Amino acid sequence: MAEDKATLYALSTCSHCKSTKRLLSECNVEYDYIEVDDLEGQERKAILEDIKALNPRCSFPTIKINDIVIVGYKEKQIKEALGIKNEG
């Protein structure tokens, strides 16, 4: 598998965000994650602008894998973006 570049924009209290983190870890993917609700001031504002550019609704989780943006916990789409075949 090629080196996938993944970024997860999440909220610390979001169950779907936690599920996405767990899935990425189970798939042995190195990823950056940003818990937006833990940020403050200009840093938070800048990250929210980044998210809106990827996902105008600014909902969570927003995942960027290489050049693919996935909004929500969508296991099949996440695995496809990572080039992982679904069993079954």
N, C-alpha and C. Protein backbone atom coordinates (compact mmCIF):
# COMPACT_ATOMS: atom_id res chain seq x y z
N MET A 1 0.85 -1.18 0.00
CA MET A 1 0.00 0.00 0.00
C MET A 1 0.89 1.24 0.00
N ALA A 2 0.55 2.20 -0.80
CA ALA A 2 1.30 3.45 -0.87
C ALA A 2 1.10 4.22 0.42
N GLU A 3 1.94 5.21 0.63
CA GLU A 3 1.80 6.05 1.81
C GLU A 3 0.58 6.95 1.64
N ASP A 4 -0.47 6.62 2.35
CA ASP A 4 -1.67 7.44 2.29
C ASP A 4 -1.52 8.61 3.24
N LYS A 5 -1.97 9.77 2.80
CA LYS A 5 -1.96 10.97 3.63
C LYS A 5 -3.39 11.21 4.07
N ALA A 6 -3.64 11.04 5.35
CA ALA A 6 -4.99 11.18 5.86
C ALA A 6 -5.03 12.23 6.97
N THR A 7 -6.10 13.02 6.94
CA THR A 7 -6.36 14.00 7.99
C THR A 7 -7.80 13.85 8.42
N LEU A 8 -8.01 13.77 9.71
CA LEU A 8 -9.34 13.64 10.28
C LEU A 8 -9.65 14.90 11.07
N TYR A 9 -10.71 15.58 10.67
CA TYR A 9 -11.21 16.74 11.42
C TYR A 9 -12.38 16.22 12.26
N ALA A 10 -12.25 16.37 13.57
CA ALA A 10 -13.19 15.71 14.47
C ALA A 10 -13.59 16.62 15.63
N LEU A 11 -14.57 16.13 16.38
CA LEU A 11 -14.95 16.74 17.65
C LEU A 11 -14.66 15.71 18.74
N SER A 12 -14.16 16.14 19.87
CA SER A 12 -13.75 15.21 20.92
C SER A 12 -14.93 14.42 21.49
N THR A 13 -16.13 14.95 21.37
CA THR A 13 -17.30 14.29 21.96
C THR A 13 -18.12 13.49 20.95
N CYS A 14 -17.68 13.44 19.70
CA CYS A 14 -18.46 12.84 18.61
C CYS A 14 -18.20 11.33 18.50
N SER A 15 -19.24 10.53 18.63
CA SER A 15 -19.06 9.07 18.56
C SER A 15 -18.65 8.62 17.16
N HIS A 16 -19.15 9.28 16.12
CA HIS A 16 -18.75 8.92 14.75
C HIS A 16 -17.28 9.26 14.52
N CYS A 17 -16.82 10.34 15.12
CA CYS A 17 -15.41 10.72 15.00
C CYS A 17 -14.53 9.68 15.69
N LYS A 18 -14.96 9.21 16.86
CA LYS A 18 -14.21 8.18 17.58
C LYS A 18 -14.18 6.89 16.79
N SER A 19 -15.29 6.54 16.15
CA SER A 19 -15.33 5.33 15.32
C SER A 19 -14.39 5.46 14.13
N THR A 20 -14.32 6.66 13.55
CA THR A 20 -13.42 6.88 12.41
C THR A 20 -11.97 6.74 12.84
N LYS A 21 -11.61 7.30 14.00
CA LYS A 21 -10.24 7.16 14.52
C LYS A 21 -9.90 5.68 14.70
N ARG A 22 -10.85 4.94 15.29
CA ARG A 22 -10.63 3.52 15.54
C ARG A 22 -10.41 2.77 14.22
N LEU A 23 -11.24 3.07 13.21
CA LEU A 23 -11.12 2.42 11.91
C LEU A 23 -9.76 2.72 11.27
N LEU A 24 -9.35 3.97 11.27
CA LEU A 24 -8.06 4.32 10.68
C LEU A 24 -6.92 3.61 11.40
N SER A 25 -7.01 3.52 12.73
CA SER A 25 -5.98 2.82 13.49
C SER A 25 -5.98 1.33 13.17
N GLU A 26 -7.17 0.72 13.07
CA GLU A 26 -7.27 -0.71 12.75
C GLU A 26 -6.71 -1.00 11.36
N CYS A 27 -6.80 -0.02 10.45
CA CYS A 27 -6.29 -0.18 9.09
C CYS A 27 -4.80 0.17 9.01
N ASN A 28 -4.18 0.45 10.17
CA ASN A 28 -2.76 0.80 10.24
C ASN A 28 -2.40 1.99 9.36
N VAL A 29 -3.26 2.99 9.38
CA VAL A 29 -3.03 4.19 8.60
C VAL A 29 -2.49 5.27 9.53
N GLU A 30 -1.40 5.89 9.12
CA GLU A 30 -0.92 7.05 9.87
C GLU A 30 -1.77 8.23 9.45
N TYR A 31 -2.26 8.96 10.40
CA TYR A 31 -3.13 10.08 10.08
C TYR A 31 -2.95 11.19 11.10
N ASP A 32 -3.26 12.39 10.66
CA ASP A 32 -3.30 13.54 11.56
C ASP A 32 -4.76 13.72 11.95
N TYR A 33 -4.99 14.08 13.18
CA TYR A 33 -6.36 14.43 13.54
C TYR A 33 -6.37 15.70 14.36
N ILE A 34 -7.43 16.43 14.12
CA ILE A 34 -7.61 17.72 14.78
C ILE A 34 -8.98 17.71 15.43
N GLU A 35 -8.99 17.83 16.75
CA GLU A 35 -10.27 17.92 17.47
C GLU A 35 -10.59 19.41 17.58
N VAL A 36 -11.49 19.83 16.72
CA VAL A 36 -11.77 21.25 16.53
C VAL A 36 -12.30 21.91 17.79
N ASP A 37 -13.07 21.19 18.58
CA ASP A 37 -13.63 21.79 19.79
C ASP A 37 -12.57 22.04 20.87
N ASP A 38 -11.38 21.49 20.69
CA ASP A 38 -10.29 21.75 21.64
C ASP A 38 -9.46 22.97 21.25
N LEU A 39 -9.73 23.53 20.07
CA LEU A 39 -8.98 24.70 19.60
C LEU A 39 -9.67 25.99 20.05
N GLU A 40 -8.91 27.06 20.03
CA GLU A 40 -9.48 28.36 20.41
C GLU A 40 -9.00 29.45 19.46
N GLY A 41 -9.72 30.52 19.43
CA GLY A 41 -9.30 31.74 18.74
C GLY A 41 -9.01 31.56 17.26
N GLN A 42 -7.90 32.19 16.83
CA GLN A 42 -7.54 32.21 15.41
C GLN A 42 -7.25 30.80 14.88
N GLU A 43 -6.65 29.96 15.72
CA GLU A 43 -6.35 28.59 15.29
C GLU A 43 -7.65 27.86 14.92
N ARG A 44 -8.65 27.98 15.78
CA ARG A 44 -9.94 27.34 15.52
C ARG A 44 -10.60 27.92 14.26
N LYS A 45 -10.55 29.24 14.13
CA LYS A 45 -11.15 29.90 12.97
C LYS A 45 -10.49 29.42 11.67
N ALA A 46 -9.16 29.32 11.68
CA ALA A 46 -8.42 28.89 10.49
C ALA A 46 -8.77 27.44 10.13
N ILE A 47 -8.85 26.57 11.11
CA ILE A 47 -9.19 25.17 10.84
C ILE A 47 -10.61 25.05 10.31
N LEU A 48 -11.54 25.82 10.87
CA LEU A 48 -12.93 25.78 10.39
C LEU A 48 -13.00 26.24 8.93
N GLU A 49 -12.19 27.21 8.55
CA GLU A 49 -12.14 27.63 7.14
C GLU A 49 -11.61 26.51 6.26
N ASP A 50 -10.60 25.79 6.74
CA ASP A 50 -10.06 24.64 6.00
C ASP A 50 -11.14 23.58 5.79
N ILE A 51 -11.89 23.31 6.86
CA ILE A 51 -12.95 22.30 6.77
C ILE A 51 -14.03 22.74 5.80
N LYS A 52 -14.45 24.00 5.87
CA LYS A 52 -15.50 24.51 4.98
C LYS A 52 -15.08 24.41 3.51
N ALA A 53 -13.78 24.53 3.23
CA ALA A 53 -13.30 24.39 1.86
C ALA A 53 -13.48 22.95 1.37
N LEU A 54 -13.37 21.99 2.29
CA LEU A 54 -13.54 20.57 1.95
C LEU A 54 -15.01 20.14 2.03
N ASN A 55 -15.72 20.69 3.00
CA ASN A 55 -17.07 20.28 3.33
C ASN A 55 -17.85 21.52 3.75
N PRO A 56 -18.56 22.15 2.80
CA PRO A 56 -19.26 23.41 3.09
C PRO A 56 -20.23 23.35 4.28
N ARG A 57 -20.75 22.17 4.59
CA ARG A 57 -21.66 22.06 5.74
C ARG A 57 -20.91 22.06 7.06
N CYS A 58 -19.59 21.85 6.98
CA CYS A 58 -18.73 21.87 8.17
C CYS A 58 -19.23 20.90 9.24
N SER A 59 -19.52 19.67 8.79
CA SER A 59 -19.99 18.65 9.71
C SER A 59 -18.86 17.67 10.01
N PHE A 60 -19.07 16.85 11.02
CA PHE A 60 -18.01 15.99 11.51
C PHE A 60 -18.46 14.53 11.56
N PRO A 61 -17.53 13.61 11.36
CA PRO A 61 -16.15 13.84 10.97
C PRO A 61 -16.03 14.21 9.50
N THR A 62 -15.01 14.97 9.19
CA THR A 62 -14.61 15.24 7.80
C THR A 62 -13.23 14.62 7.67
N ILE A 63 -13.08 13.73 6.71
CA ILE A 63 -11.84 13.00 6.51
C ILE A 63 -11.30 13.32 5.13
N LYS A 64 -10.02 13.63 5.05
CA LYS A 64 -9.38 13.81 3.76
C LYS A 64 -8.30 12.74 3.64
N ILE A 65 -8.46 11.88 2.65
CA ILE A 65 -7.48 10.83 2.38
C ILE A 65 -6.94 11.10 0.99
N ASN A 66 -5.66 11.45 0.94
CA ASN A 66 -5.05 11.90 -0.32
C ASN A 66 -5.89 13.05 -0.85
N ASP A 67 -6.55 12.91 -2.00
CA ASP A 67 -7.38 14.00 -2.52
C ASP A 67 -8.87 13.70 -2.39
N ILE A 68 -9.22 12.68 -1.63
CA ILE A 68 -10.62 12.27 -1.47
C ILE A 68 -11.15 12.79 -0.14
N VAL A 69 -12.31 13.42 -0.19
CA VAL A 69 -12.95 13.93 1.02
C VAL A 69 -14.17 13.07 1.32
N ILE A 70 -14.26 12.60 2.55
CA ILE A 70 -15.39 11.79 3.00
C ILE A 70 -15.98 12.49 4.22
N VAL A 71 -17.28 12.69 4.19
CA VAL A 71 -17.97 13.34 5.30
C VAL A 71 -18.81 12.29 6.02
N GLY A 72 -18.56 12.14 7.30
CA GLY A 72 -19.29 11.15 8.09
C GLY A 72 -18.50 9.86 8.21
N TYR A 73 -18.99 8.99 9.09
CA TYR A 73 -18.34 7.69 9.27
C TYR A 73 -18.90 6.74 8.23
N LYS A 74 -18.15 6.58 7.15
CA LYS A 74 -18.57 5.73 6.04
C LYS A 74 -17.45 4.72 5.81
N GLU A 75 -17.54 3.61 6.55
CA GLU A 75 -16.46 2.63 6.57
C GLU A 75 -16.07 2.16 5.17
N LYS A 76 -17.05 1.84 4.35
CA LYS A 76 -16.77 1.32 3.01
C LYS A 76 -16.00 2.36 2.19
N GLN A 77 -16.45 3.61 2.20
CA GLN A 77 -15.79 4.66 1.43
C GLN A 77 -14.38 4.94 1.95
N ILE A 78 -14.22 4.90 3.26
CA ILE A 78 -12.89 5.13 3.85
C ILE A 78 -11.93 4.03 3.40
N LYS A 79 -12.38 2.78 3.48
CA LYS A 79 -11.53 1.67 3.06
C LYS A 79 -11.21 1.74 1.57
N GLU A 80 -12.21 2.11 0.77
CA GLU A 80 -11.96 2.25 -0.67
C GLU A 80 -10.92 3.33 -0.94
N ALA A 81 -11.01 4.45 -0.23
CA ALA A 81 -10.06 5.54 -0.41
C ALA A 81 -8.64 5.11 -0.03
N LEU A 82 -8.56 4.16 0.90
CA LEU A 82 -7.27 3.65 1.34
C LEU A 82 -6.79 2.47 0.49
N GLY A 83 -7.63 2.03 -0.45
CA GLY A 83 -7.26 0.91 -1.30
C GLY A 83 -7.39 -0.43 -0.60
N ILE A 84 -8.24 -0.48 0.42
CA ILE A 84 -8.45 -1.73 1.17
C ILE A 84 -9.69 -2.42 0.63
N LYS A 85 -9.54 -3.66 0.29
CA LYS A 85 -10.68 -4.44 -0.19
C LYS A 85 -11.56 -4.85 0.97
N ASN A 86 -12.86 -4.71 0.78
CA ASN A 86 -13.81 -5.15 1.80
C ASN A 86 -14.01 -6.65 1.68
N GLU A 87 -13.93 -7.32 2.81
CA GLU A 87 -14.18 -8.77 2.81
C GLU A 87 -15.69 -8.99 2.80
N GLY A 88 -16.08 -10.04 2.12
CA GLY A 88 -17.48 -10.41 2.12
C GLY A 88 -18.25 -9.72 1.13
